[in-house]
Amino acid sequence: TGAIIKNEPPISSLIAQSESLVTVPAIISEIRDAATRSRV
């Protein structure tokens, strides 16, 4: 959750550096802030 909420490093960097990004459903559920949820 921390990396997703803080956007640090930026999502674009994660995508550029990794073939695959994964997480568990509970992590997405933990994002409550509307702006962060929209960005995600």
PDB file of all heavy atoms in Angstrom:
ATOM      1  N   THR A   1       0.800  -1.219   0.000  1.00  0.00           N
ATOM      2  CA  THR A   1       0.000   0.000   0.000  1.00  0.00           C
ATOM      3  C   THR A   1       0.836   1.274   0.000  1.00  0.00           C
ATOM      4  O   THR A   1       0.527   2.225  -0.714  1.00  0.00           O
ATOM      5  CB  THR A   1      -0.939   0.028   1.229  1.00  0.00           C
ATOM      6  OG1 THR A   1      -1.592  -1.223   1.327  1.00  0.00           O
ATOM      7  CG2 THR A   1      -1.976   1.116   1.102  1.00  0.00           C
ATOM      8  N   GLY A   2       1.886   1.315   0.804  1.00  0.00           N
ATOM      9  CA  GLY A   2       2.698   2.529   0.941  1.00  0.00           C
ATOM     10  C   GLY A   2       3.216   3.044  -0.389  1.00  0.00           C
ATOM     11  O   GLY A   2       3.094   4.231  -0.701  1.00  0.00           O
ATOM     12  N   ALA A   3       3.793   2.164  -1.187  1.00  0.00           N
ATOM     13  CA  ALA A   3       4.328   2.577  -2.493  1.00  0.00           C
ATOM     14  C   ALA A   3       3.225   3.083  -3.409  1.00  0.00           C
ATOM     15  O   ALA A   3       3.423   4.040  -4.164  1.00  0.00           O
ATOM     16  CB  ALA A   3       5.056   1.408  -3.147  1.00  0.00           C
ATOM     17  N   ILE A   4       2.067   2.475  -3.326  1.00  0.00           N
ATOM     18  CA  ILE A   4       0.950   2.883  -4.180  1.00  0.00           C
ATOM     19  C   ILE A   4       0.414   4.245  -3.747  1.00  0.00           C
ATOM     20  O   ILE A   4       0.216   5.134  -4.574  1.00  0.00           O
ATOM     21  CB  ILE A   4      -0.160   1.811  -4.160  1.00  0.00           C
ATOM     22  CG1 ILE A   4       0.348   0.516  -4.796  1.00  0.00           C
ATOM     23  CG2 ILE A   4      -1.408   2.319  -4.873  1.00  0.00           C
ATOM     24  CD1 ILE A   4      -0.590  -0.661  -4.659  1.00  0.00           C
ATOM     25  N   ILE A   5       0.195   4.422  -2.448  1.00  0.00           N
ATOM     26  CA  ILE A   5      -0.365   5.683  -1.951  1.00  0.00           C
ATOM     27  C   ILE A   5       0.611   6.838  -2.150  1.00  0.00           C
ATOM     28  O   ILE A   5       0.229   7.906  -2.625  1.00  0.00           O
ATOM     29  CB  ILE A   5      -0.766   5.555  -0.463  1.00  0.00           C
ATOM     30  CG1 ILE A   5      -1.981   4.627  -0.346  1.00  0.00           C
ATOM     31  CG2 ILE A   5      -1.060   6.910   0.157  1.00  0.00           C
ATOM     32  CD1 ILE A   5      -2.373   4.284   1.077  1.00  0.00           C
ATOM     33  N   LYS A   6       1.878   6.635  -1.808  1.00  0.00           N
ATOM     34  CA  LYS A   6       2.880   7.703  -1.925  1.00  0.00           C
ATOM     35  C   LYS A   6       3.272   7.977  -3.366  1.00  0.00           C
ATOM     36  O   LYS A   6       3.809   9.041  -3.668  1.00  0.00           O
ATOM     37  CB  LYS A   6       4.131   7.333  -1.125  1.00  0.00           C
ATOM     38  CG  LYS A   6       3.896   7.307   0.370  1.00  0.00           C
ATOM     39  CD  LYS A   6       5.152   6.843   1.090  1.00  0.00           C
ATOM     40  CE  LYS A   6       4.880   6.647   2.566  1.00  0.00           C
ATOM     41  NZ  LYS A   6       5.990   5.991   3.247  1.00  0.00           N
ATOM     42  N   ASN A   7       3.023   6.998  -4.257  1.00  0.00           N
ATOM     43  CA  ASN A   7       3.435   7.108  -5.657  1.00  0.00           C
ATOM     44  C   ASN A   7       4.938   7.384  -5.753  1.00  0.00           C
ATOM     45  O   ASN A   7       5.394   8.185  -6.556  1.00  0.00           O
ATOM     46  CB  ASN A   7       2.620   8.180  -6.393  1.00  0.00           C
ATOM     47  CG  ASN A   7       2.723   8.030  -7.901  1.00  0.00           C
ATOM     48  OD1 ASN A   7       2.889   6.921  -8.419  1.00  0.00           O
ATOM     49  ND2 ASN A   7       2.631   9.137  -8.614  1.00  0.00           N
ATOM     50  N   GLU A   8       5.690   6.731  -4.891  1.00  0.00           N
ATOM     51  CA  GLU A   8       7.142   6.908  -4.844  1.00  0.00           C
ATOM     52  C   GLU A   8       7.805   5.551  -4.781  1.00  0.00           C
ATOM     53  O   GLU A   8       7.640   4.849  -3.785  1.00  0.00           O
ATOM     54  CB  GLU A   8       7.513   7.739  -3.612  1.00  0.00           C
ATOM     55  CG  GLU A   8       8.942   8.162  -3.543  1.00  0.00           C
ATOM     56  CD  GLU A   8       9.403   8.989  -4.741  1.00  0.00           C
ATOM     57  OE1 GLU A   8       8.682   9.890  -5.200  1.00  0.00           O
ATOM     58  OE2 GLU A   8      10.495   8.703  -5.221  1.00  0.00           O
ATOM     59  N   PRO A   9       8.494   5.124  -5.792  1.00  0.00           N
ATOM     60  CA  PRO A   9       8.723   5.815  -7.057  1.00  0.00           C
ATOM     61  C   PRO A   9       7.428   5.890  -7.882  1.00  0.00           C
ATOM     62  O   PRO A   9       6.511   5.112  -7.644  1.00  0.00           O
ATOM     63  CB  PRO A   9       9.774   4.957  -7.761  1.00  0.00           C
ATOM     64  CG  PRO A   9       9.652   3.605  -7.148  1.00  0.00           C
ATOM     65  CD  PRO A   9       9.145   3.804  -5.756  1.00  0.00           C
ATOM     66  N   PRO A  10       7.403   6.802  -8.822  1.00  0.00           N
ATOM     67  CA  PRO A  10       6.194   6.969  -9.639  1.00  0.00           C
ATOM     68  C   PRO A  10       5.828   5.685 -10.387  1.00  0.00           C
ATOM     69  O   PRO A  10       6.699   4.898 -10.747  1.00  0.00           O
ATOM     70  CB  PRO A  10       6.558   8.072 -10.629  1.00  0.00           C
ATOM     71  CG  PRO A  10       7.759   8.737 -10.061  1.00  0.00           C
ATOM     72  CD  PRO A  10       8.454   7.739  -9.197  1.00  0.00           C
ATOM     73  N   ILE A  11       4.560   5.517 -10.608  1.00  0.00           N
ATOM     74  CA  ILE A  11       4.059   4.336 -11.307  1.00  0.00           C
ATOM     75  C   ILE A  11       4.762   4.158 -12.645  1.00  0.00           C
ATOM     76  O   ILE A  11       5.117   3.047 -13.031  1.00  0.00           O
ATOM     77  CB  ILE A  11       2.527   4.419 -11.474  1.00  0.00           C
ATOM     78  CG1 ILE A  11       1.869   4.293 -10.098  1.00  0.00           C
ATOM     79  CG2 ILE A  11       2.006   3.359 -12.419  1.00  0.00           C
ATOM     80  CD1 ILE A  11       0.404   4.639 -10.070  1.00  0.00           C
ATOM     81  N   SER A  12       5.011   5.250 -13.348  1.00  0.00           N
ATOM     82  CA  SER A  12       5.681   5.148 -14.653  1.00  0.00           C
ATOM     83  C   SER A  12       7.070   4.513 -14.518  1.00  0.00           C
ATOM     84  O   SER A  12       7.488   3.741 -15.374  1.00  0.00           O
ATOM     85  CB  SER A  12       5.793   6.526 -15.312  1.00  0.00           C
ATOM     86  OG  SER A  12       6.510   7.415 -14.473  1.00  0.00           O
ATOM     87  N   SER A  13       7.778   4.804 -13.435  1.00  0.00           N
ATOM     88  CA  SER A  13       9.092   4.201 -13.198  1.00  0.00           C
ATOM     89  C   SER A  13       8.966   2.708 -12.914  1.00  0.00           C
ATOM     90  O   SER A  13       9.775   1.901 -13.383  1.00  0.00           O
ATOM     91  CB  SER A  13       9.802   4.866 -12.016  1.00  0.00           C
ATOM     92  OG  SER A  13      10.112   6.193 -12.326  1.00  0.00           O
ATOM     93  N   LEU A  14       7.953   2.336 -12.123  1.00  0.00           N
ATOM     94  CA  LEU A  14       7.743   0.922 -11.815  1.00  0.00           C
ATOM     95  C   LEU A  14       7.453   0.133 -13.087  1.00  0.00           C
ATOM     96  O   LEU A  14       8.004  -0.942 -13.303  1.00  0.00           O
ATOM     97  CB  LEU A  14       6.587   0.755 -10.824  1.00  0.00           C
ATOM     98  CG  LEU A  14       6.759   1.395  -9.449  1.00  0.00           C
ATOM     99  CD1 LEU A  14       5.494   1.193  -8.621  1.00  0.00           C
ATOM    100  CD2 LEU A  14       7.978   0.870  -8.731  1.00  0.00           C
ATOM    101  N   ILE A  15       6.601   0.692 -13.932  1.00  0.00           N
ATOM    102  CA  ILE A  15       6.237   0.034 -15.189  1.00  0.00           C
ATOM    103  C   ILE A  15       7.459  -0.080 -16.104  1.00  0.00           C
ATOM    104  O   ILE A  15       7.668  -1.108 -16.747  1.00  0.00           O
ATOM    105  CB  ILE A  15       5.081   0.789 -15.882  1.00  0.00           C
ATOM    106  CG1 ILE A  15       3.812   0.664 -15.036  1.00  0.00           C
ATOM    107  CG2 ILE A  15       4.845   0.278 -17.298  1.00  0.00           C
ATOM    108  CD1 ILE A  15       2.705   1.625 -15.429  1.00  0.00           C
ATOM    109  N   ALA A  16       8.265   0.956 -16.142  1.00  0.00           N
ATOM    110  CA  ALA A  16       9.450   0.951 -17.005  1.00  0.00           C
ATOM    111  C   ALA A  16      10.515  -0.036 -16.531  1.00  0.00           C
ATOM    112  O   ALA A  16      11.281  -0.552 -17.343  1.00  0.00           O
ATOM    113  CB  ALA A  16      10.052   2.356 -17.077  1.00  0.00           C
ATOM    114  N   GLN A  17      10.576  -0.291 -15.234  1.00  0.00           N
ATOM    115  CA  GLN A  17      11.632  -1.127 -14.677  1.00  0.00           C
ATOM    116  C   GLN A  17      11.246  -2.596 -14.496  1.00  0.00           C
ATOM    117  O   GLN A  17      12.111  -3.429 -14.248  1.00  0.00           O
ATOM    118  CB  GLN A  17      12.075  -0.569 -13.318  1.00  0.00           C
ATOM    119  CG  GLN A  17      12.724   0.788 -13.411  1.00  0.00           C
ATOM    120  CD  GLN A  17      14.031   0.739 -14.172  1.00  0.00           C
ATOM    121  OE1 GLN A  17      14.897  -0.064 -13.879  1.00  0.00           O
ATOM    122  NE2 GLN A  17      14.172   1.585 -15.179  1.00  0.00           N
ATOM    123  N   SER A  18       9.962  -2.914 -14.568  1.00  0.00           N
ATOM    124  CA  SER A  18       9.514  -4.268 -14.244  1.00  0.00           C
ATOM    125  C   SER A  18       8.615  -4.840 -15.323  1.00  0.00           C
ATOM    126  O   SER A  18       7.760  -4.154 -15.864  1.00  0.00           O
ATOM    127  CB  SER A  18       8.765  -4.236 -12.913  1.00  0.00           C
ATOM    128  OG  SER A  18       8.260  -5.501 -12.598  1.00  0.00           O
ATOM    129  N   GLU A  19       8.791  -6.128 -15.568  1.00  0.00           N
ATOM    130  CA  GLU A  19       7.928  -6.823 -16.517  1.00  0.00           C
ATOM    131  C   GLU A  19       6.521  -7.004 -15.973  1.00  0.00           C
ATOM    132  O   GLU A  19       5.562  -7.032 -16.729  1.00  0.00           O
ATOM    133  CB  GLU A  19       8.521  -8.192 -16.857  1.00  0.00           C
ATOM    134  CG  GLU A  19       9.810  -8.115 -17.642  1.00  0.00           C
ATOM    135  CD  GLU A  19      10.365  -9.490 -17.945  1.00  0.00           C
ATOM    136  OE1 GLU A  19       9.575 -10.416 -18.183  1.00  0.00           O
ATOM    137  OE2 GLU A  19      11.585  -9.634 -17.941  1.00  0.00           O
ATOM    138  N   SER A  20       6.407  -7.129 -14.645  1.00  0.00           N
ATOM    139  CA  SER A  20       5.120  -7.448 -14.045  1.00  0.00           C
ATOM    140  C   SER A  20       4.972  -6.751 -12.697  1.00  0.00           C
ATOM    141  O   SER A  20       5.898  -6.740 -11.891  1.00  0.00           O
ATOM    142  CB  SER A  20       5.031  -8.972 -13.858  1.00  0.00           C
ATOM    143  OG  SER A  20       3.860  -9.338 -13.191  1.00  0.00           O
ATOM    144  N   LEU A  21       3.801  -6.169 -12.463  1.00  0.00           N
ATOM    145  CA  LEU A  21       3.454  -5.563 -11.177  1.00  0.00           C
ATOM    146  C   LEU A  21       2.299  -6.364 -10.597  1.00  0.00           C
ATOM    147  O   LEU A  21       1.297  -6.583 -11.279  1.00  0.00           O
ATOM    148  CB  LEU A  21       3.021  -4.104 -11.356  1.00  0.00           C
ATOM    149  CG  LEU A  21       4.011  -3.159 -12.017  1.00  0.00           C
ATOM    150  CD1 LEU A  21       3.358  -1.798 -12.251  1.00  0.00           C
ATOM    151  CD2 LEU A  21       5.262  -3.015 -11.179  1.00  0.00           C
ATOM    152  N   VAL A  22       2.441  -6.813  -9.341  1.00  0.00           N
ATOM    153  CA  VAL A  22       1.375  -7.593  -8.711  1.00  0.00           C
ATOM    154  C   VAL A  22       1.116  -7.096  -7.296  1.00  0.00           C
ATOM    155  O   VAL A  22       1.987  -6.502  -6.663  1.00  0.00           O
ATOM    156  CB  VAL A  22       1.688  -9.113  -8.673  1.00  0.00           C
ATOM    157  CG1 VAL A  22       1.799  -9.700 -10.056  1.00  0.00           C
ATOM    158  CG2 VAL A  22       2.925  -9.406  -7.865  1.00  0.00           C
ATOM    159  N   THR A  23      -0.091  -7.351  -6.824  1.00  0.00           N
ATOM    160  CA  THR A  23      -0.449  -7.079  -5.438  1.00  0.00           C
ATOM    161  C   THR A  23      -1.604  -7.984  -5.067  1.00  0.00           C
ATOM    162  O   THR A  23      -2.130  -8.721  -5.910  1.00  0.00           O
ATOM    163  CB  THR A  23      -0.780  -5.596  -5.193  1.00  0.00           C
ATOM    164  OG1 THR A  23      -0.745  -5.347  -3.780  1.00  0.00           O
ATOM    165  CG2 THR A  23      -2.124  -5.199  -5.759  1.00  0.00           C
ATOM    166  N   VAL A  24      -2.012  -7.909  -3.820  1.00  0.00           N
ATOM    167  CA  VAL A  24      -3.144  -8.705  -3.334  1.00  0.00           C
ATOM    168  C   VAL A  24      -4.387  -7.822  -3.272  1.00  0.00           C
ATOM    169  O   VAL A  24      -4.279  -6.595  -3.154  1.00  0.00           O
ATOM    170  CB  VAL A  24      -2.839  -9.328  -1.948  1.00  0.00           C
ATOM    171  CG1 VAL A  24      -1.669 -10.300  -2.052  1.00  0.00           C
ATOM    172  CG2 VAL A  24      -2.578  -8.288  -0.896  1.00  0.00           C
ATOM    173  N   PRO A  25      -5.575  -8.400  -3.336  1.00  0.00           N
ATOM    174  CA  PRO A  25      -6.806  -7.598  -3.312  1.00  0.00           C
ATOM    175  C   PRO A  25      -6.915  -6.673  -2.097  1.00  0.00           C
ATOM    176  O   PRO A  25      -7.417  -5.547  -2.219  1.00  0.00           O
ATOM    177  CB  PRO A  25      -7.923  -8.648  -3.296  1.00  0.00           C
ATOM    178  CG  PRO A  25      -7.311  -9.873  -3.897  1.00  0.00           C
ATOM    179  CD  PRO A  25      -5.862  -9.836  -3.514  1.00  0.00           C
ATOM    180  N   ALA A  26      -6.442  -7.110  -0.944  1.00  0.00           N
ATOM    181  CA  ALA A  26      -6.566  -6.303   0.279  1.00  0.00           C
ATOM    182  C   ALA A  26      -5.833  -4.967   0.160  1.00  0.00           C
ATOM    183  O   ALA A  26      -6.249  -3.972   0.765  1.00  0.00           O
ATOM    184  CB  ALA A  26      -6.032  -7.083   1.481  1.00  0.00           C
ATOM    185  N   ILE A  27      -4.768  -4.912  -0.613  1.00  0.00           N
ATOM    186  CA  ILE A  27      -3.993  -3.675  -0.756  1.00  0.00           C
ATOM    187  C   ILE A  27      -4.822  -2.620  -1.477  1.00  0.00           C
ATOM    188  O   ILE A  27      -4.863  -1.458  -1.063  1.00  0.00           O
ATOM    189  CB  ILE A  27      -2.659  -3.942  -1.494  1.00  0.00           C
ATOM    190  CG1 ILE A  27      -1.782  -4.898  -0.680  1.00  0.00           C
ATOM    191  CG2 ILE A  27      -1.934  -2.655  -1.835  1.00  0.00           C
ATOM    192  CD1 ILE A  27      -1.481  -4.465   0.741  1.00  0.00           C
ATOM    193  N   ILE A  28      -5.505  -3.002  -2.520  1.00  0.00           N
ATOM    194  CA  ILE A  28      -6.354  -2.051  -3.251  1.00  0.00           C
ATOM    195  C   ILE A  28      -7.497  -1.589  -2.349  1.00  0.00           C
ATOM    196  O   ILE A  28      -7.860  -0.413  -2.340  1.00  0.00           O
ATOM    197  CB  ILE A  28      -6.889  -2.687  -4.557  1.00  0.00           C
ATOM    198  CG1 ILE A  28      -5.722  -3.095  -5.471  1.00  0.00           C
ATOM    199  CG2 ILE A  28      -7.839  -1.745  -5.276  1.00  0.00           C
ATOM    200  CD1 ILE A  28      -4.780  -1.974  -5.870  1.00  0.00           C
ATOM    201  N   SER A  29      -8.023  -2.488  -1.527  1.00  0.00           N
ATOM    202  CA  SER A  29      -9.111  -2.146  -0.599  1.00  0.00           C
ATOM    203  C   SER A  29      -8.671  -1.139   0.454  1.00  0.00           C
ATOM    204  O   SER A  29      -9.500  -0.399   0.986  1.00  0.00           O
ATOM    205  CB  SER A  29      -9.622  -3.402   0.108  1.00  0.00           C
ATOM    206  OG  SER A  29     -10.099  -4.318  -0.824  1.00  0.00           O
ATOM    207  N   GLU A  30      -7.371  -1.121   0.787  1.00  0.00           N
ATOM    208  CA  GLU A  30      -6.870  -0.196   1.807  1.00  0.00           C
ATOM    209  C   GLU A  30      -6.805   1.254   1.331  1.00  0.00           C
ATOM    210  O   GLU A  30      -6.657   2.161   2.135  1.00  0.00           O
ATOM    211  CB  GLU A  30      -5.474  -0.625   2.274  1.00  0.00           C
ATOM    212  CG  GLU A  30      -5.470  -1.863   3.124  1.00  0.00           C
ATOM    213  CD  GLU A  30      -4.078  -2.231   3.625  1.00  0.00           C
ATOM    214  OE1 GLU A  30      -3.071  -1.728   3.080  1.00  0.00           O
ATOM    215  OE2 GLU A  30      -4.000  -3.025   4.575  1.00  0.00           O
ATOM    216  N   ILE A  31      -6.914   1.484   0.036  1.00  0.00           N
ATOM    217  CA  ILE A  31      -6.823   2.844  -0.508  1.00  0.00           C
ATOM    218  C   ILE A  31      -8.188   3.515  -0.389  1.00  0.00           C
ATOM    219  O   ILE A  31      -9.123   3.188  -1.105  1.00  0.00           O
ATOM    220  CB  ILE A  31      -6.335   2.832  -1.964  1.00  0.00           C
ATOM    221  CG1 ILE A  31      -4.963   2.169  -2.037  1.00  0.00           C
ATOM    222  CG2 ILE A  31      -6.292   4.244  -2.537  1.00  0.00           C
ATOM    223  CD1 ILE A  31      -4.492   1.871  -3.434  1.00  0.00           C
ATOM    224  N   ARG A  32      -8.280   4.454   0.546  1.00  0.00           N
ATOM    225  CA  ARG A  32      -9.569   5.091   0.836  1.00  0.00           C
ATOM    226  C   ARG A  32      -9.674   6.514   0.283  1.00  0.00           C
ATOM    227  O   ARG A  32     -10.748   6.991  -0.013  1.00  0.00           O
ATOM    228  CB  ARG A  32      -9.799   5.107   2.345  1.00  0.00           C
ATOM    229  CG  ARG A  32      -9.717   3.710   2.953  1.00  0.00           C
ATOM    230  CD  ARG A  32     -10.647   3.533   4.112  1.00  0.00           C
ATOM    231  NE  ARG A  32     -10.493   2.339   4.919  1.00  0.00           N
ATOM    232  CZ  ARG A  32     -10.542   1.087   4.514  1.00  0.00           C
ATOM    233  NH1 ARG A  32     -10.675   0.819   3.254  1.00  0.00           N
ATOM    234  NH2 ARG A  32     -10.440   0.081   5.357  1.00  0.00           N
ATOM    235  N   ASP A  33      -8.549   7.190   0.149  1.00  0.00           N
ATOM    236  CA  ASP A  33      -8.528   8.564  -0.335  1.00  0.00           C
ATOM    237  C   ASP A  33      -9.007   8.598  -1.792  1.00  0.00           C
ATOM    238  O   ASP A  33      -8.490   7.876  -2.646  1.00  0.00           O
ATOM    239  CB  ASP A  33      -7.100   9.116  -0.222  1.00  0.00           C
ATOM    240  CG  ASP A  33      -6.942  10.471  -0.866  1.00  0.00           C
ATOM    241  OD1 ASP A  33      -7.591  11.420  -0.406  1.00  0.00           O
ATOM    242  OD2 ASP A  33      -6.175  10.554  -1.854  1.00  0.00           O
ATOM    243  N   ALA A  34      -9.992   9.447  -2.073  1.00  0.00           N
ATOM    244  CA  ALA A  34     -10.613   9.495  -3.403  1.00  0.00           C
ATOM    245  C   ALA A  34      -9.614   9.851  -4.502  1.00  0.00           C
ATOM    246  O   ALA A  34      -9.622   9.243  -5.577  1.00  0.00           O
ATOM    247  CB  ALA A  34     -11.773  10.488  -3.410  1.00  0.00           C
ATOM    248  N   ALA A  35      -8.743  10.817  -4.249  1.00  0.00           N
ATOM    249  CA  ALA A  35      -7.773  11.228  -5.271  1.00  0.00           C
ATOM    250  C   ALA A  35      -6.778  10.097  -5.565  1.00  0.00           C
ATOM    251  O   ALA A  35      -6.465   9.826  -6.730  1.00  0.00           O
ATOM    252  CB  ALA A  35      -7.028  12.482  -4.818  1.00  0.00           C
ATOM    253  N   THR A  36      -6.312   9.439  -4.514  1.00  0.00           N
ATOM    254  CA  THR A  36      -5.376   8.332  -4.704  1.00  0.00           C
ATOM    255  C   THR A  36      -6.061   7.174  -5.418  1.00  0.00           C
ATOM    256  O   THR A  36      -5.495   6.584  -6.338  1.00  0.00           O
ATOM    257  CB  THR A  36      -4.816   7.857  -3.346  1.00  0.00           C
ATOM    258  OG1 THR A  36      -4.185   8.954  -2.706  1.00  0.00           O
ATOM    259  CG2 THR A  36      -3.825   6.731  -3.521  1.00  0.00           C
ATOM    260  N   ARG A  37      -7.284   6.867  -5.013  1.00  0.00           N
ATOM    261  CA  ARG A  37      -8.028   5.780  -5.650  1.00  0.00           C
ATOM    262  C   ARG A  37      -8.220   6.068  -7.140  1.00  0.00           C
ATOM    263  O   ARG A  37      -8.035   5.188  -7.982  1.00  0.00           O
ATOM    264  CB  ARG A  37      -9.387   5.583  -4.978  1.00  0.00           C
ATOM    265  CG  ARG A  37     -10.136   4.383  -5.529  1.00  0.00           C
ATOM    266  CD  ARG A  37     -11.359   4.034  -4.732  1.00  0.00           C
ATOM    267  NE  ARG A  37     -11.162   3.145  -3.617  1.00  0.00           N
ATOM    268  CZ  ARG A  37     -10.734   1.890  -3.698  1.00  0.00           C
ATOM    269  NH1 ARG A  37     -10.388   1.406  -4.849  1.00  0.00           N
ATOM    270  NH2 ARG A  37     -10.630   1.131  -2.643  1.00  0.00           N
ATOM    271  N   SER A  38      -8.548   7.317  -7.483  1.00  0.00           N
ATOM    272  CA  SER A  38      -8.728   7.698  -8.882  1.00  0.00           C
ATOM    273  C   SER A  38      -7.422   7.533  -9.662  1.00  0.00           C
ATOM    274  O   SER A  38      -7.414   6.999 -10.772  1.00  0.00           O
ATOM    275  CB  SER A  38      -9.220   9.143  -8.966  1.00  0.00           C
ATOM    276  OG  SER A  38      -9.308   9.538 -10.303  1.00  0.00           O
ATOM    277  N   ARG A  39      -6.299   7.989  -9.071  1.00  0.00           N
ATOM    278  CA  ARG A  39      -4.991   7.854  -9.725  1.00  0.00           C
ATOM    279  C   ARG A  39      -4.656   6.388  -9.946  1.00  0.00           C
ATOM    280  O   ARG A  39      -4.215   5.990 -11.029  1.00  0.00           O
ATOM    281  CB  ARG A  39      -3.900   8.528  -8.891  1.00  0.00           C
ATOM    282  CG  ARG A  39      -2.503   8.348  -9.473  1.00  0.00           C
ATOM    283  CD  ARG A  39      -1.409   9.031  -8.664  1.00  0.00           C
ATOM    284  NE  ARG A  39      -1.451   8.829  -7.239  1.00  0.00           N
ATOM    285  CZ  ARG A  39      -1.015   7.730  -6.603  1.00  0.00           C
ATOM    286  NH1 ARG A  39      -0.535   6.722  -7.291  1.00  0.00           N
ATOM    287  NH2 ARG A  39      -1.076   7.660  -5.290  1.00  0.00           N
ATOM    288  N   VAL A  40      -4.891   5.575  -8.936  1.00  0.00           N
ATOM    289  CA  VAL A  40      -4.598   4.143  -9.039  1.00  0.00           C
ATOM    290  C   VAL A  40      -5.455   3.498 -10.118  1.00  0.00           C
ATOM    291  O   VAL A  40      -4.962   2.731 -10.950  1.00  0.00           O
ATOM    292  CB  VAL A  40      -4.798   3.452  -7.673  1.00  0.00           C
ATOM    293  CG1 VAL A  40      -4.825   1.938  -7.811  1.00  0.00           C
ATOM    294  CG2 VAL A  40      -3.710   3.895  -6.699  1.00  0.00           C
TER     295      VAL A  40
END
